[in-house]
PDB file of all heavy atoms in Angstrom:
ATOM      1  N   ASP A   1       0.809  -1.218  -0.001  1.00  0.00           N
ATOM      2  CA  ASP A   1       0.000   0.000  -0.002  1.00  0.00           C
ATOM      3  C   ASP A   1       0.847   1.272   0.000  1.00  0.00           C
ATOM      4  O   ASP A   1       0.447   2.284  -0.582  1.00  0.00           O
ATOM      5  CB  ASP A   1      -0.925   0.014   1.225  1.00  0.00           C
ATOM      6  CG  ASP A   1      -1.897  -1.154   1.211  1.00  0.00           C
ATOM      7  OD1 ASP A   1      -2.113  -1.714   0.112  1.00  0.00           O
ATOM      8  OD2 ASP A   1      -2.415  -1.519   2.279  1.00  0.00           O
ATOM      9  N   TYR A   2       2.010   1.240   0.662  1.00  0.00           N
ATOM     10  CA  TYR A   2       2.828   2.445   0.797  1.00  0.00           C
ATOM     11  C   TYR A   2       4.195   2.273   0.137  1.00  0.00           C
ATOM     12  O   TYR A   2       5.185   2.820   0.606  1.00  0.00           O
ATOM     13  CB  TYR A   2       3.014   2.784   2.287  1.00  0.00           C
ATOM     14  CG  TYR A   2       1.715   3.015   3.019  1.00  0.00           C
ATOM     15  CD1 TYR A   2       1.146   1.995   3.778  1.00  0.00           C
ATOM     16  CD2 TYR A   2       1.060   4.237   2.944  1.00  0.00           C
ATOM     17  CE1 TYR A   2      -0.041   2.197   4.453  1.00  0.00           C
ATOM     18  CE2 TYR A   2      -0.125   4.450   3.619  1.00  0.00           C
ATOM     19  CZ  TYR A   2      -0.679   3.418   4.372  1.00  0.00           C
ATOM     20  OH  TYR A   2      -1.858   3.621   5.037  1.00  0.00           O
ATOM     21  N   VAL A   3       4.251   1.537  -0.963  1.00  0.00           N
ATOM     22  CA  VAL A   3       5.540   1.273  -1.593  1.00  0.00           C
ATOM     23  C   VAL A   3       6.115   2.541  -2.216  1.00  0.00           C
ATOM     24  O   VAL A   3       7.328   2.803  -2.107  1.00  0.00           O
ATOM     25  CB  VAL A   3       5.402   0.142  -2.636  1.00  0.00           C
ATOM     26  CG1 VAL A   3       4.414   0.503  -3.725  1.00  0.00           C
ATOM     27  CG2 VAL A   3       6.764  -0.213  -3.201  1.00  0.00           C
ATOM     28  N   TYR A   4       5.280   3.368  -2.861  1.00  0.00           N
ATOM     29  CA  TYR A   4       5.801   4.583  -3.494  1.00  0.00           C
ATOM     30  C   TYR A   4       6.256   5.624  -2.472  1.00  0.00           C
ATOM     31  O   TYR A   4       7.346   6.201  -2.631  1.00  0.00           O
ATOM     32  CB  TYR A   4       4.752   5.163  -4.436  1.00  0.00           C
ATOM     33  CG  TYR A   4       4.507   4.303  -5.656  1.00  0.00           C
ATOM     34  CD1 TYR A   4       3.293   3.668  -5.846  1.00  0.00           C
ATOM     35  CD2 TYR A   4       5.510   4.106  -6.610  1.00  0.00           C
ATOM     36  CE1 TYR A   4       3.070   2.863  -6.961  1.00  0.00           C
ATOM     37  CE2 TYR A   4       5.298   3.304  -7.725  1.00  0.00           C
ATOM     38  CZ  TYR A   4       4.072   2.683  -7.886  1.00  0.00           C
ATOM     39  OH  TYR A   4       3.861   1.882  -8.973  1.00  0.00           O
ATOM     40  N   PRO A   5       5.488   5.928  -1.421  1.00  0.00           N
ATOM     41  CA  PRO A   5       6.034   6.828  -0.386  1.00  0.00           C
ATOM     42  C   PRO A   5       7.302   6.283   0.264  1.00  0.00           C
ATOM     43  O   PRO A   5       8.221   7.055   0.585  1.00  0.00           O
ATOM     44  CB  PRO A   5       4.894   6.945   0.629  1.00  0.00           C
ATOM     45  CG  PRO A   5       3.668   6.654  -0.155  1.00  0.00           C
ATOM     46  CD  PRO A   5       4.074   5.624  -1.158  1.00  0.00           C
ATOM     47  N   PHE A   6       7.385   4.960   0.427  1.00  0.00           N
ATOM     48  CA  PHE A   6       8.581   4.372   1.018  1.00  0.00           C
ATOM     49  C   PHE A   6       9.791   4.552   0.117  1.00  0.00           C
ATOM     50  O   PHE A   6      10.887   4.897   0.582  1.00  0.00           O
ATOM     51  CB  PHE A   6       8.328   2.877   1.281  1.00  0.00           C
ATOM     52  CG  PHE A   6       9.499   2.154   1.875  1.00  0.00           C
ATOM     53  CD1 PHE A   6       9.850   2.341   3.199  1.00  0.00           C
ATOM     54  CD2 PHE A   6      10.263   1.291   1.098  1.00  0.00           C
ATOM     55  CE1 PHE A   6      10.935   1.681   3.746  1.00  0.00           C
ATOM     56  CE2 PHE A   6      11.342   0.636   1.634  1.00  0.00           C
ATOM     57  CZ  PHE A   6      11.678   0.828   2.959  1.00  0.00           C
ATOM     58  N   GLU A   7       9.615   4.355  -1.190  1.00  0.00           N
ATOM     59  CA  GLU A   7      10.720   4.543  -2.124  1.00  0.00           C
ATOM     60  C   GLU A   7      11.132   6.009  -2.219  1.00  0.00           C
ATOM     61  O   GLU A   7      12.327   6.328  -2.300  1.00  0.00           O
ATOM     62  CB  GLU A   7      10.320   4.023  -3.512  1.00  0.00           C
ATOM     63  CG  GLU A   7      10.097   2.519  -3.577  1.00  0.00           C
ATOM     64  CD  GLU A   7      11.373   1.740  -3.353  1.00  0.00           C
ATOM     65  OE1 GLU A   7      12.459   2.304  -3.596  1.00  0.00           O
ATOM     66  OE2 GLU A   7      11.286   0.575  -2.936  1.00  0.00           O
ATOM     67  N   ILE A   8      10.157   6.910  -2.191  1.00  0.00           N
ATOM     68  CA  ILE A   8      10.480   8.338  -2.234  1.00  0.00           C
ATOM     69  C   ILE A   8      11.273   8.740  -0.988  1.00  0.00           C
ATOM     70  O   ILE A   8      12.257   9.491  -1.063  1.00  0.00           O
ATOM     71  CB  ILE A   8       9.191   9.163  -2.361  1.00  0.00           C
ATOM     72  CG1 ILE A   8       8.547   8.921  -3.736  1.00  0.00           C
ATOM     73  CG2 ILE A   8       9.477  10.650  -2.166  1.00  0.00           C
ATOM     74  CD1 ILE A   8       7.186   9.575  -3.893  1.00  0.00           C
ATOM     75  N   ALA A   9      10.865   8.239   0.187  1.00  0.00           N
ATOM     76  CA  ALA A   9      11.600   8.542   1.408  1.00  0.00           C
ATOM     77  C   ALA A   9      13.018   7.983   1.350  1.00  0.00           C
ATOM     78  O   ALA A   9      13.979   8.634   1.806  1.00  0.00           O
ATOM     79  CB  ALA A   9      10.851   7.972   2.618  1.00  0.00           C
ATOM     80  N   ALA A  10      13.187   6.797   0.780  1.00  0.00           N
ATOM     81  CA  ALA A  10      14.521   6.216   0.650  1.00  0.00           C
ATOM     82  C   ALA A  10      15.409   7.053  -0.267  1.00  0.00           C
ATOM     83  O   ALA A  10      16.592   7.278   0.026  1.00  0.00           O
ATOM     84  CB  ALA A  10      14.407   4.781   0.121  1.00  0.00           C
ATOM     85  N   VAL A  11      14.843   7.546  -1.391  1.00  0.00           N
ATOM     86  CA  VAL A  11      15.628   8.386  -2.304  1.00  0.00           C
ATOM     87  C   VAL A  11      16.010   9.698  -1.630  1.00  0.00           C
ATOM     88  O   VAL A  11      17.145  10.194  -1.771  1.00  0.00           O
ATOM     89  CB  VAL A  11      14.834   8.637  -3.601  1.00  0.00           C
ATOM     90  CG1 VAL A  11      15.537   9.661  -4.476  1.00  0.00           C
ATOM     91  CG2 VAL A  11      14.651   7.333  -4.364  1.00  0.00           C
ATOM     92  N   ILE A  12      15.087  10.293  -0.862  1.00  0.00           N
ATOM     93  CA  ILE A  12      15.390  11.544  -0.161  1.00  0.00           C
ATOM     94  C   ILE A  12      16.508  11.336   0.854  1.00  0.00           C
ATOM     95  O   ILE A  12      17.436  12.160   0.970  1.00  0.00           O
ATOM     96  CB  ILE A  12      14.117  12.090   0.515  1.00  0.00           C
ATOM     97  CG1 ILE A  12      13.103  12.525  -0.548  1.00  0.00           C
ATOM     98  CG2 ILE A  12      14.456  13.263   1.438  1.00  0.00           C
ATOM     99  CD1 ILE A  12      11.776  12.957   0.019  1.00  0.00           C
ATOM    100  N   LEU A  13      16.464  10.230   1.587  1.00  0.00           N
ATOM    101  CA  LEU A  13      17.531   9.937   2.545  1.00  0.00           C
ATOM    102  C   LEU A  13      18.865   9.715   1.836  1.00  0.00           C
ATOM    103  O   LEU A  13      19.920  10.146   2.329  1.00  0.00           O
ATOM    104  CB  LEU A  13      17.160   8.716   3.378  1.00  0.00           C
ATOM    105  CG  LEU A  13      16.031   8.899   4.390  1.00  0.00           C
ATOM    106  CD1 LEU A  13      15.703   7.591   5.072  1.00  0.00           C
ATOM    107  CD2 LEU A  13      16.407   9.956   5.423  1.00  0.00           C
ATOM    108  N   LEU A  14      18.838   9.047   0.685  1.00  0.00           N
ATOM    109  CA  LEU A  14      20.076   8.839  -0.068  1.00  0.00           C
ATOM    110  C   LEU A  14      20.657  10.166  -0.540  1.00  0.00           C
ATOM    111  O   LEU A  14      21.870  10.396  -0.447  1.00  0.00           O
ATOM    112  CB  LEU A  14      19.801   7.912  -1.254  1.00  0.00           C
ATOM    113  CG  LEU A  14      20.991   7.638  -2.177  1.00  0.00           C
ATOM    114  CD1 LEU A  14      22.114   6.954  -1.411  1.00  0.00           C
ATOM    115  CD2 LEU A  14      20.555   6.787  -3.367  1.00  0.00           C
ATOM    116  N   VAL A  15      19.804  11.045  -1.040  1.00  0.00           N
ATOM    117  CA  VAL A  15      20.277  12.371  -1.478  1.00  0.00           C
ATOM    118  C   VAL A  15      20.845  13.152  -0.295  1.00  0.00           C
ATOM    119  O   VAL A  15      21.867  13.847  -0.412  1.00  0.00           O
ATOM    120  CB  VAL A  15      19.129  13.143  -2.154  1.00  0.00           C
ATOM    121  CG1 VAL A  15      19.534  14.579  -2.443  1.00  0.00           C
ATOM    122  CG2 VAL A  15      18.715  12.450  -3.451  1.00  0.00           C
ATOM    123  N   ALA A  16      20.218  13.044   0.871  1.00  0.00           N
ATOM    124  CA  ALA A  16      20.719  13.737   2.062  1.00  0.00           C
ATOM    125  C   ALA A  16      22.085  13.214   2.468  1.00  0.00           C
ATOM    126  O   ALA A  16      22.972  13.988   2.858  1.00  0.00           O
ATOM    127  CB  ALA A  16      19.717  13.583   3.204  1.00  0.00           C
ATOM    128  N   ILE A  17      22.287  11.896   2.388  1.00  0.00           N
ATOM    129  CA  ILE A  17      23.584  11.317   2.737  1.00  0.00           C
ATOM    130  C   ILE A  17      24.672  11.795   1.777  1.00  0.00           C
ATOM    131  O   ILE A  17      25.771  12.197   2.177  1.00  0.00           O
ATOM    132  CB  ILE A  17      23.493   9.786   2.744  1.00  0.00           C
ATOM    133  CG1 ILE A  17      22.586   9.310   3.879  1.00  0.00           C
ATOM    134  CG2 ILE A  17      24.873   9.152   2.892  1.00  0.00           C
ATOM    135  CD1 ILE A  17      22.302   7.824   3.854  1.00  0.00           C
ATOM    136  N   VAL A  18      24.362  11.763   0.480  1.00  0.00           N
ATOM    137  CA  VAL A  18      25.338  12.214  -0.522  1.00  0.00           C
ATOM    138  C   VAL A  18      25.646  13.695  -0.342  1.00  0.00           C
ATOM    139  O   VAL A  18      26.795  14.147  -0.447  1.00  0.00           O
ATOM    140  CB  VAL A  18      24.820  11.912  -1.939  1.00  0.00           C
ATOM    141  CG1 VAL A  18      25.744  12.497  -2.982  1.00  0.00           C
ATOM    142  CG2 VAL A  18      24.669  10.409  -2.145  1.00  0.00           C
ATOM    143  N   ALA A  19      24.625  14.506  -0.056  1.00  0.00           N
ATOM    144  CA  ALA A  19      24.836  15.933   0.145  1.00  0.00           C
ATOM    145  C   ALA A  19      25.698  16.199   1.380  1.00  0.00           C
ATOM    146  O   ALA A  19      26.575  17.082   1.353  1.00  0.00           O
ATOM    147  CB  ALA A  19      23.493  16.649   0.277  1.00  0.00           C
ATOM    148  N   ALA A  20      25.451  15.442   2.458  1.00  0.00           N
ATOM    149  CA  ALA A  20      26.266  15.630   3.665  1.00  0.00           C
ATOM    150  C   ALA A  20      27.726  15.274   3.404  1.00  0.00           C
ATOM    151  O   ALA A  20      28.642  15.969   3.857  1.00  0.00           O
ATOM    152  CB  ALA A  20      25.700  14.777   4.803  1.00  0.00           C
ATOM    153  N   ILE A  21      27.965  14.198   2.650  1.00  0.00           N
ATOM    154  CA  ILE A  21      29.341  13.823   2.324  1.00  0.00           C
ATOM    155  C   ILE A  21      29.989  14.874   1.417  1.00  0.00           C
ATOM    156  O   ILE A  21      31.153  15.246   1.596  1.00  0.00           O
ATOM    157  CB  ILE A  21      29.365  12.440   1.659  1.00  0.00           C
ATOM    158  CG1 ILE A  21      28.881  11.369   2.645  1.00  0.00           C
ATOM    159  CG2 ILE A  21      30.764  12.092   1.164  1.00  0.00           C
ATOM    160  CD1 ILE A  21      28.741   9.990   2.044  1.00  0.00           C
ATOM    161  N   ALA A  22      29.227  15.384   0.457  1.00  0.00           N
ATOM    162  CA  ALA A  22      29.782  16.384  -0.458  1.00  0.00           C
ATOM    163  C   ALA A  22      30.105  17.686   0.267  1.00  0.00           C
ATOM    164  O   ALA A  22      31.072  18.373  -0.062  1.00  0.00           O
ATOM    165  CB  ALA A  22      28.794  16.649  -1.595  1.00  0.00           C
ATOM    166  N   LEU A  23      29.291  18.060   1.258  1.00  0.00           N
ATOM    167  CA  LEU A  23      29.548  19.302   1.983  1.00  0.00           C
ATOM    168  C   LEU A  23      30.758  19.199   2.898  1.00  0.00           C
ATOM    169  O   LEU A  23      31.463  20.188   3.126  1.00  0.00           O
ATOM    170  CB  LEU A  23      28.315  19.687   2.815  1.00  0.00           C
ATOM    171  CG  LEU A  23      27.091  20.157   2.011  1.00  0.00           C
ATOM    172  CD1 LEU A  23      25.914  20.389   2.941  1.00  0.00           C
ATOM    173  CD2 LEU A  23      27.416  21.438   1.242  1.00  0.00           C
ATOM    174  N   THR A  24      31.004  18.017   3.431  1.00  0.00           N
ATOM    175  CA  THR A  24      32.134  17.854   4.358  1.00  0.00           C
ATOM    176  C   THR A  24      33.426  17.458   3.655  1.00  0.00           C
ATOM    177  O   THR A  24      34.505  17.631   4.229  1.00  0.00           O
ATOM    178  CB  THR A  24      31.794  16.790   5.413  1.00  0.00           C
ATOM    179  OG1 THR A  24      31.449  15.547   4.748  1.00  0.00           O
ATOM    180  CG2 THR A  24      30.630  17.233   6.272  1.00  0.00           C
ATOM    181  N   LEU A  25      33.350  16.930   2.442  1.00  0.00           N
ATOM    182  CA  LEU A  25      34.540  16.484   1.719  1.00  0.00           C
ATOM    183  C   LEU A  25      35.123  17.655   0.948  1.00  0.00           C
ATOM    184  O   LEU A  25      34.840  17.871  -0.235  1.00  0.00           O
ATOM    185  CB  LEU A  25      34.197  15.326   0.777  1.00  0.00           C
ATOM    186  CG  LEU A  25      35.386  14.635   0.099  1.00  0.00           C
ATOM    187  CD1 LEU A  25      36.311  14.006   1.124  1.00  0.00           C
ATOM    188  CD2 LEU A  25      34.892  13.580  -0.891  1.00  0.00           C
ATOM    189  N   ARG A  26      35.924  18.446   1.622  1.00  0.00           N
ATOM    190  CA  ARG A  26      36.564  19.596   1.008  1.00  0.00           C
ATOM    191  C   ARG A  26      38.078  19.441   1.091  1.00  0.00           C
ATOM    192  O   ARG A  26      38.609  19.060   2.136  1.00  0.00           O
ATOM    193  CB  ARG A  26      36.144  20.884   1.715  1.00  0.00           C
ATOM    194  CG  ARG A  26      34.654  21.183   1.615  1.00  0.00           C
ATOM    195  CD  ARG A  26      34.303  22.437   2.387  1.00  0.00           C
ATOM    196  NE  ARG A  26      32.870  22.731   2.308  1.00  0.00           N
ATOM    197  CZ  ARG A  26      32.295  23.746   2.944  1.00  0.00           C
ATOM    198  NH1 ARG A  26      33.031  24.562   3.681  1.00  0.00           N
ATOM    199  NH2 ARG A  26      31.001  23.938   2.829  1.00  0.00           N
ATOM    200  N   HIS A  27      38.743  19.737  -0.004  1.00  0.00           N
ATOM    201  CA  HIS A  27      40.194  19.628  -0.049  1.00  0.00           C
ATOM    202  C   HIS A  27      40.816  20.901   0.510  1.00  0.00           C
ATOM    203  O   HIS A  27      40.655  21.983  -0.061  1.00  0.00           O
ATOM    204  CB  HIS A  27      40.660  19.386  -1.490  1.00  0.00           C
ATOM    205  CG  HIS A  27      40.153  18.109  -2.072  1.00  0.00           C
ATOM    206  ND1 HIS A  27      40.618  16.873  -1.694  1.00  0.00           N
ATOM    207  CD2 HIS A  27      39.192  17.873  -3.012  1.00  0.00           C
ATOM    208  CE1 HIS A  27      39.991  15.942  -2.372  1.00  0.00           C
ATOM    209  NE2 HIS A  27      39.113  16.513  -3.175  1.00  0.00           N
ATOM    210  N   ARG A  28      41.473  20.768   1.607  1.00  0.00           N
ATOM    211  CA  ARG A  28      42.148  21.901   2.230  1.00  0.00           C
ATOM    212  C   ARG A  28      43.656  21.755   2.048  1.00  0.00           C
ATOM    213  O   ARG A  28      44.201  20.667   2.172  1.00  0.00           O
ATOM    214  CB  ARG A  28      41.802  21.973   3.714  1.00  0.00           C
ATOM    215  CG  ARG A  28      40.308  22.176   3.990  1.00  0.00           C
ATOM    216  CD  ARG A  28      40.032  22.209   5.481  1.00  0.00           C
ATOM    217  NE  ARG A  28      38.617  22.402   5.736  1.00  0.00           N
ATOM    218  CZ  ARG A  28      38.083  22.407   6.964  1.00  0.00           C
ATOM    219  NH1 ARG A  28      38.864  22.244   8.030  1.00  0.00           N
ATOM    220  NH2 ARG A  28      36.786  22.581   7.111  1.00  0.00           N
ATOM    221  N   LYS A  29      44.303  22.884   1.792  1.00  0.00           N
ATOM    222  CA  LYS A  29      45.742  22.862   1.572  1.00  0.00           C
ATOM    223  C   LYS A  29      46.515  22.603   2.856  1.00  0.00           C
ATOM    224  O   LYS A  29      47.642  22.090   2.814  1.00  0.00           O
ATOM    225  CB  LYS A  29      46.190  24.180   0.950  1.00  0.00           C
ATOM    226  CG  LYS A  29      45.583  24.437  -0.427  1.00  0.00           C
ATOM    227  CD  LYS A  29      46.068  25.762  -0.994  1.00  0.00           C
ATOM    228  CE  LYS A  29      45.465  26.010  -2.378  1.00  0.00           C
ATOM    229  NZ  LYS A  29      45.916  27.292  -2.958  1.00  0.00           N
ATOM    230  N   ASP A  30      45.942  22.971   4.005  1.00  0.00           N
ATOM    231  CA  ASP A  30      46.650  22.825   5.265  1.00  0.00           C
ATOM    232  C   ASP A  30      46.393  21.500   5.956  1.00  0.00           C
ATOM    233  O   ASP A  30      46.843  21.292   7.081  1.00  0.00           O
ATOM    234  CB  ASP A  30      46.272  23.966   6.218  1.00  0.00           C
ATOM    235  CG  ASP A  30      44.769  24.036   6.446  1.00  0.00           C
ATOM    236  OD1 ASP A  30      44.037  23.394   5.676  1.00  0.00           O
ATOM    237  OD2 ASP A  30      44.348  24.745   7.392  1.00  0.00           O
ATOM    238  N   SER A  31      45.674  20.592   5.326  1.00  0.00           N
ATOM    239  CA  SER A  31      45.387  19.292   5.930  1.00  0.00           C
ATOM    240  C   SER A  31      45.781  18.182   4.962  1.00  0.00           C
ATOM    241  O   SER A  31      45.666  18.327   3.742  1.00  0.00           O
ATOM    242  CB  SER A  31      43.905  19.181   6.289  1.00  0.00           C
ATOM    243  OG  SER A  31      43.110  19.270   5.118  1.00  0.00           O
ATOM    244  N   ARG A  32      46.244  17.090   5.508  1.00  0.00           N
ATOM    245  CA  ARG A  32      46.630  15.942   4.701  1.00  0.00           C
ATOM    246  C   ARG A  32      45.430  15.026   4.512  1.00  0.00           C
ATOM    247  O   ARG A  32      44.650  14.792   5.431  1.00  0.00           O
ATOM    248  CB  ARG A  32      47.771  15.187   5.397  1.00  0.00           C
ATOM    249  CG  ARG A  32      49.016  16.040   5.634  1.00  0.00           C
ATOM    250  CD  ARG A  32      50.085  15.251   6.354  1.00  0.00           C
ATOM    251  NE  ARG A  32      50.519  14.123   5.558  1.00  0.00           N
ATOM    252  CZ  ARG A  32      51.400  13.220   5.969  1.00  0.00           C
ATOM    253  NH1 ARG A  32      51.935  13.322   7.190  1.00  0.00           N
ATOM    254  NH2 ARG A  32      51.760  12.214   5.180  1.00  0.00           N
ATOM    255  N   TYR A  33      45.295  14.508   3.317  1.00  0.00           N
ATOM    256  CA  TYR A  33      44.208  13.601   3.017  1.00  0.00           C
ATOM    257  C   TYR A  33      44.721  12.477   2.135  1.00  0.00           C
ATOM    258  O   TYR A  33      45.806  12.557   1.559  1.00  0.00           O
ATOM    259  CB  TYR A  33      43.045  14.345   2.325  1.00  0.00           C
ATOM    260  CG  TYR A  33      43.407  14.964   0.999  1.00  0.00           C
ATOM    261  CD1 TYR A  33      43.218  14.250  -0.192  1.00  0.00           C
ATOM    262  CD2 TYR A  33      43.920  16.250   0.926  1.00  0.00           C
ATOM    263  CE1 TYR A  33      43.557  14.810  -1.407  1.00  0.00           C
ATOM    264  CE2 TYR A  33      44.258  16.815  -0.289  1.00  0.00           C
ATOM    265  CZ  TYR A  33      44.065  16.091  -1.451  1.00  0.00           C
ATOM    266  OH  TYR A  33      44.395  16.654  -2.656  1.00  0.00           O
ATOM    267  N   ILE A  34      43.948  11.431   2.040  1.00  0.00           N
ATOM    268  CA  ILE A  34      44.323  10.232   1.295  1.00  0.00           C
ATOM    269  C   ILE A  34      43.545  10.197  -0.018  1.00  0.00           C
ATOM    270  O   ILE A  34      42.328  10.408  -0.031  1.00  0.00           O
ATOM    271  CB  ILE A  34      44.040   8.967   2.126  1.00  0.00           C
ATOM    272  CG1 ILE A  34      44.869   8.985   3.409  1.00  0.00           C
ATOM    273  CG2 ILE A  34      44.341   7.709   1.321  1.00  0.00           C
ATOM    274  CD1 ILE A  34      44.566   7.831   4.343  1.00  0.00           C
ATOM    275  N   ASP A  35      44.251   9.935  -1.094  1.00  0.00           N
ATOM    276  CA  ASP A  35      43.634   9.796  -2.407  1.00  0.00           C
ATOM    277  C   ASP A  35      43.527   8.308  -2.727  1.00  0.00           C
ATOM    278  O   ASP A  35      44.539   7.651  -3.019  1.00  0.00           O
ATOM    279  CB  ASP A  35      44.471  10.514  -3.465  1.00  0.00           C
ATOM    280  CG  ASP A  35      43.745  10.579  -4.808  1.00  0.00           C
ATOM    281  OD1 ASP A  35      42.626  10.023  -4.901  1.00  0.00           O
ATOM    282  OD2 ASP A  35      44.276  11.182  -5.742  1.00  0.00           O
TER     283      ASP A  35
END
């Protein structure tokens, strides 16, 4: 009965996770990071 709202909520959560990673993943010159 609620498969479409469930899938929409899952996509929204996935977009939120990707956005949070993209906002925090910044290359700074004064910090060392692993490629």
